[in-house]
Amino acid sequence: MFTAVEPDGVRLPDGSLLRAELEHLVRLHLRGPGGGIAMEKTRVAIERRVRLVGHGPASSTIGANRAGRAAATAILKLPAFAPTASTTTT
């Protein structure tokens, strides 16, 4: 369990800082003026194609599991995943 919540992450009992690493997404410019990423459940508010499962409110084990299931279900409903005549079997 962490001992403190700080602007850059959470402080662990041994004094180390645990951060959510999102540097690989920096070119998407997801961060707002204050440095945070506005979310709508698991979806990034300004880039609705990006989902961050396991971050923010969905960062607990149970929360991430539920959020992951909800995100996968929503993604599979997108038009890109809709079955077409060439992908259905008869």
C-alpha atoms as a PDB file:
ATOM      1  CA  MET A   1       0.000   0.000   0.000  1.00  0.00           C
ATOM      2  CA  PHE A   2       1.235   3.520  -0.681  1.00  0.00           C
ATOM      3  CA  THR A   3       1.836   6.063   2.058  1.00  0.00           C
ATOM      4  CA  ALA A   4       1.043   9.281   0.139  1.00  0.00           C
ATOM      5  CA  VAL A   5      -0.429  10.523  -3.119  1.00  0.00           C
ATOM      6  CA  GLU A   6       1.816  13.098  -4.828  1.00  0.00           C
ATOM      7  CA  PRO A   7       1.528  15.063  -8.084  1.00  0.00           C
ATOM      8  CA  ASP A   8       3.873  12.662  -9.897  1.00  0.00           C
ATOM      9  CA  GLY A   9       2.673   9.359  -8.451  1.00  0.00           C
ATOM     10  CA  VAL A  10       2.327   7.549  -5.143  1.00  0.00           C
ATOM     11  CA  ARG A  11       4.944   7.239  -2.404  1.00  0.00           C
ATOM     12  CA  LEU A  12       5.622   3.665  -1.275  1.00  0.00           C
ATOM     13  CA  PRO A  13       6.554   2.675   2.310  1.00  0.00           C
ATOM     14  CA  ASP A  14      10.235   2.312   1.313  1.00  0.00           C
ATOM     15  CA  GLY A  15      10.261   5.964   0.145  1.00  0.00           C
ATOM     16  CA  SER A  16      10.298   5.196  -3.590  1.00  0.00           C
ATOM     17  CA  LEU A  17       7.894   6.903  -5.977  1.00  0.00           C
ATOM     18  CA  LEU A  18       5.674   4.797  -8.212  1.00  0.00           C
ATOM     19  CA  ARG A  19       4.509   6.580 -11.366  1.00  0.00           C
ATOM     20  CA  ALA A  20       2.033   5.750 -14.083  1.00  0.00           C
ATOM     21  CA  GLU A  21       4.247   5.614 -17.169  1.00  0.00           C
ATOM     22  CA  LEU A  22       2.522   7.150 -20.159  1.00  0.00           C
ATOM     23  CA  GLU A  23       5.570   8.630 -21.912  1.00  0.00           C
ATOM     24  CA  HIS A  24       5.014   6.377 -24.921  1.00  0.00           C
ATOM     25  CA  LEU A  25       1.784   8.335 -25.529  1.00  0.00           C
ATOM     26  CA  VAL A  26       3.336  11.827 -25.317  1.00  0.00           C
ATOM     27  CA  ARG A  27       3.032  12.434 -29.088  1.00  0.00           C
ATOM     28  CA  LEU A  28      -0.743  12.096 -28.818  1.00  0.00           C
ATOM     29  CA  HIS A  29      -0.887  15.290 -26.706  1.00  0.00           C
ATOM     30  CA  LEU A  30      -3.423  13.865 -24.266  1.00  0.00           C
ATOM     31  CA  ARG A  31      -2.456  16.040 -21.285  1.00  0.00           C
ATOM     32  CA  GLY A  32      -4.395  19.168 -20.417  1.00  0.00           C
ATOM     33  CA  PRO A  33      -2.964  22.498 -19.210  1.00  0.00           C
ATOM     34  CA  GLY A  34      -2.526  21.202 -15.644  1.00  0.00           C
ATOM     35  CA  GLY A  35      -0.663  18.100 -16.797  1.00  0.00           C
ATOM     36  CA  GLY A  36      -3.471  15.607 -16.212  1.00  0.00           C
ATOM     37  CA  ILE A  37      -5.441  13.556 -18.693  1.00  0.00           C
ATOM     38  CA  ALA A  38      -9.211  14.163 -18.611  1.00  0.00           C
ATOM     39  CA  MET A  39     -11.052  10.855 -18.660  1.00  0.00           C
ATOM     40  CA  GLU A  40     -14.575   9.613 -19.336  1.00  0.00           C
ATOM     41  CA  LYS A  41     -14.482   6.252 -17.565  1.00  0.00           C
ATOM     42  CA  THR A  42     -11.623   4.519 -19.441  1.00  0.00           C
ATOM     43  CA  ARG A  43     -11.726   6.768 -22.520  1.00  0.00           C
ATOM     44  CA  VAL A  44      -9.497   9.826 -22.886  1.00  0.00           C
ATOM     45  CA  ALA A  45     -11.857  12.809 -23.184  1.00  0.00           C
ATOM     46  CA  ILE A  46      -9.952  14.651 -25.935  1.00  0.00           C
ATOM     47  CA  GLU A  47      -9.048  11.533 -27.933  1.00  0.00           C
ATOM     48  CA  ARG A  48     -11.952   9.137 -27.763  1.00  0.00           C
ATOM     49  CA  ARG A  49     -10.067   6.370 -29.576  1.00  0.00           C
ATOM     50  CA  VAL A  50      -7.627   6.010 -26.649  1.00  0.00           C
ATOM     51  CA  ARG A  51      -8.536   4.030 -23.541  1.00  0.00           C
ATOM     52  CA  LEU A  52      -6.431   3.907 -20.384  1.00  0.00           C
ATOM     53  CA  VAL A  53      -7.434   0.842 -18.417  1.00  0.00           C
ATOM     54  CA  GLY A  54      -5.813   0.564 -15.005  1.00  0.00           C
ATOM     55  CA  HIS A  55      -5.269   4.299 -14.517  1.00  0.00           C
ATOM     56  CA  GLY A  56      -7.153   6.789 -12.396  1.00  0.00           C
ATOM     57  CA  PRO A  57     -10.387   5.480 -10.876  1.00  0.00           C
ATOM     58  CA  ALA A  58      -9.818   2.092 -12.522  1.00  0.00           C
ATOM     59  CA  SER A  59      -6.380   1.575 -10.949  1.00  0.00           C
ATOM     60  CA  SER A  60      -7.304  -1.013  -8.311  1.00  0.00           C
ATOM     61  CA  THR A  61      -7.200  -4.697  -9.144  1.00  0.00           C
ATOM     62  CA  ILE A  62     -10.974  -4.982  -9.104  1.00  0.00           C
ATOM     63  CA  GLY A  63     -11.465  -1.623 -10.835  1.00  0.00           C
ATOM     64  CA  ALA A  64      -8.998  -2.491 -13.599  1.00  0.00           C
ATOM     65  CA  ASN A  65     -10.669  -5.859 -14.166  1.00  0.00           C
ATOM     66  CA  ARG A  66     -14.121  -4.295 -14.469  1.00  0.00           C
ATOM     67  CA  ALA A  67     -12.840  -1.364 -16.521  1.00  0.00           C
ATOM     68  CA  GLY A  68     -10.955  -3.717 -18.826  1.00  0.00           C
ATOM     69  CA  ARG A  69     -14.076  -5.757 -19.459  1.00  0.00           C
ATOM     70  CA  ALA A  70     -16.154  -2.619 -20.090  1.00  0.00           C
ATOM     71  CA  ALA A  71     -13.502  -1.150 -22.397  1.00  0.00           C
ATOM     72  CA  ALA A  72     -13.191  -4.361 -24.414  1.00  0.00           C
ATOM     73  CA  THR A  73     -16.974  -4.616 -24.758  1.00  0.00           C
ATOM     74  CA  ALA A  74     -17.203  -0.991 -25.947  1.00  0.00           C
ATOM     75  CA  ILE A  75     -14.328  -1.441 -28.401  1.00  0.00           C
ATOM     76  CA  LEU A  76     -15.924  -4.537 -29.907  1.00  0.00           C
ATOM     77  CA  LYS A  77     -19.074  -2.498 -30.586  1.00  0.00           C
ATOM     78  CA  LEU A  78     -17.169   0.011 -32.734  1.00  0.00           C
ATOM     79  CA  PRO A  79     -17.923  -0.030 -36.480  1.00  0.00           C
ATOM     80  CA  ALA A  80     -14.408  -1.263 -37.253  1.00  0.00           C
ATOM     81  CA  PHE A  81     -15.225  -4.512 -35.429  1.00  0.00           C
ATOM     82  CA  ALA A  82     -18.693  -5.063 -36.898  1.00  0.00           C
ATOM     83  CA  PRO A  83     -18.957  -8.307 -38.851  1.00  0.00           C
ATOM     84  CA  THR A  84     -19.116  -7.973 -42.604  1.00  0.00           C
ATOM     85  CA  ALA A  85     -20.358 -10.390 -45.248  1.00  0.00           C
ATOM     86  CA  SER A  86     -16.771 -11.504 -45.866  1.00  0.00           C
ATOM     87  CA  THR A  87     -16.138 -12.295 -42.168  1.00  0.00           C
ATOM     88  CA  THR A  88     -19.364 -14.116 -41.342  1.00  0.00           C
ATOM     89  CA  THR A  89     -19.881 -17.788 -41.996  1.00  0.00           C
ATOM     90  CA  THR A  90     -23.019 -19.334 -43.336  1.00  0.00           C
END
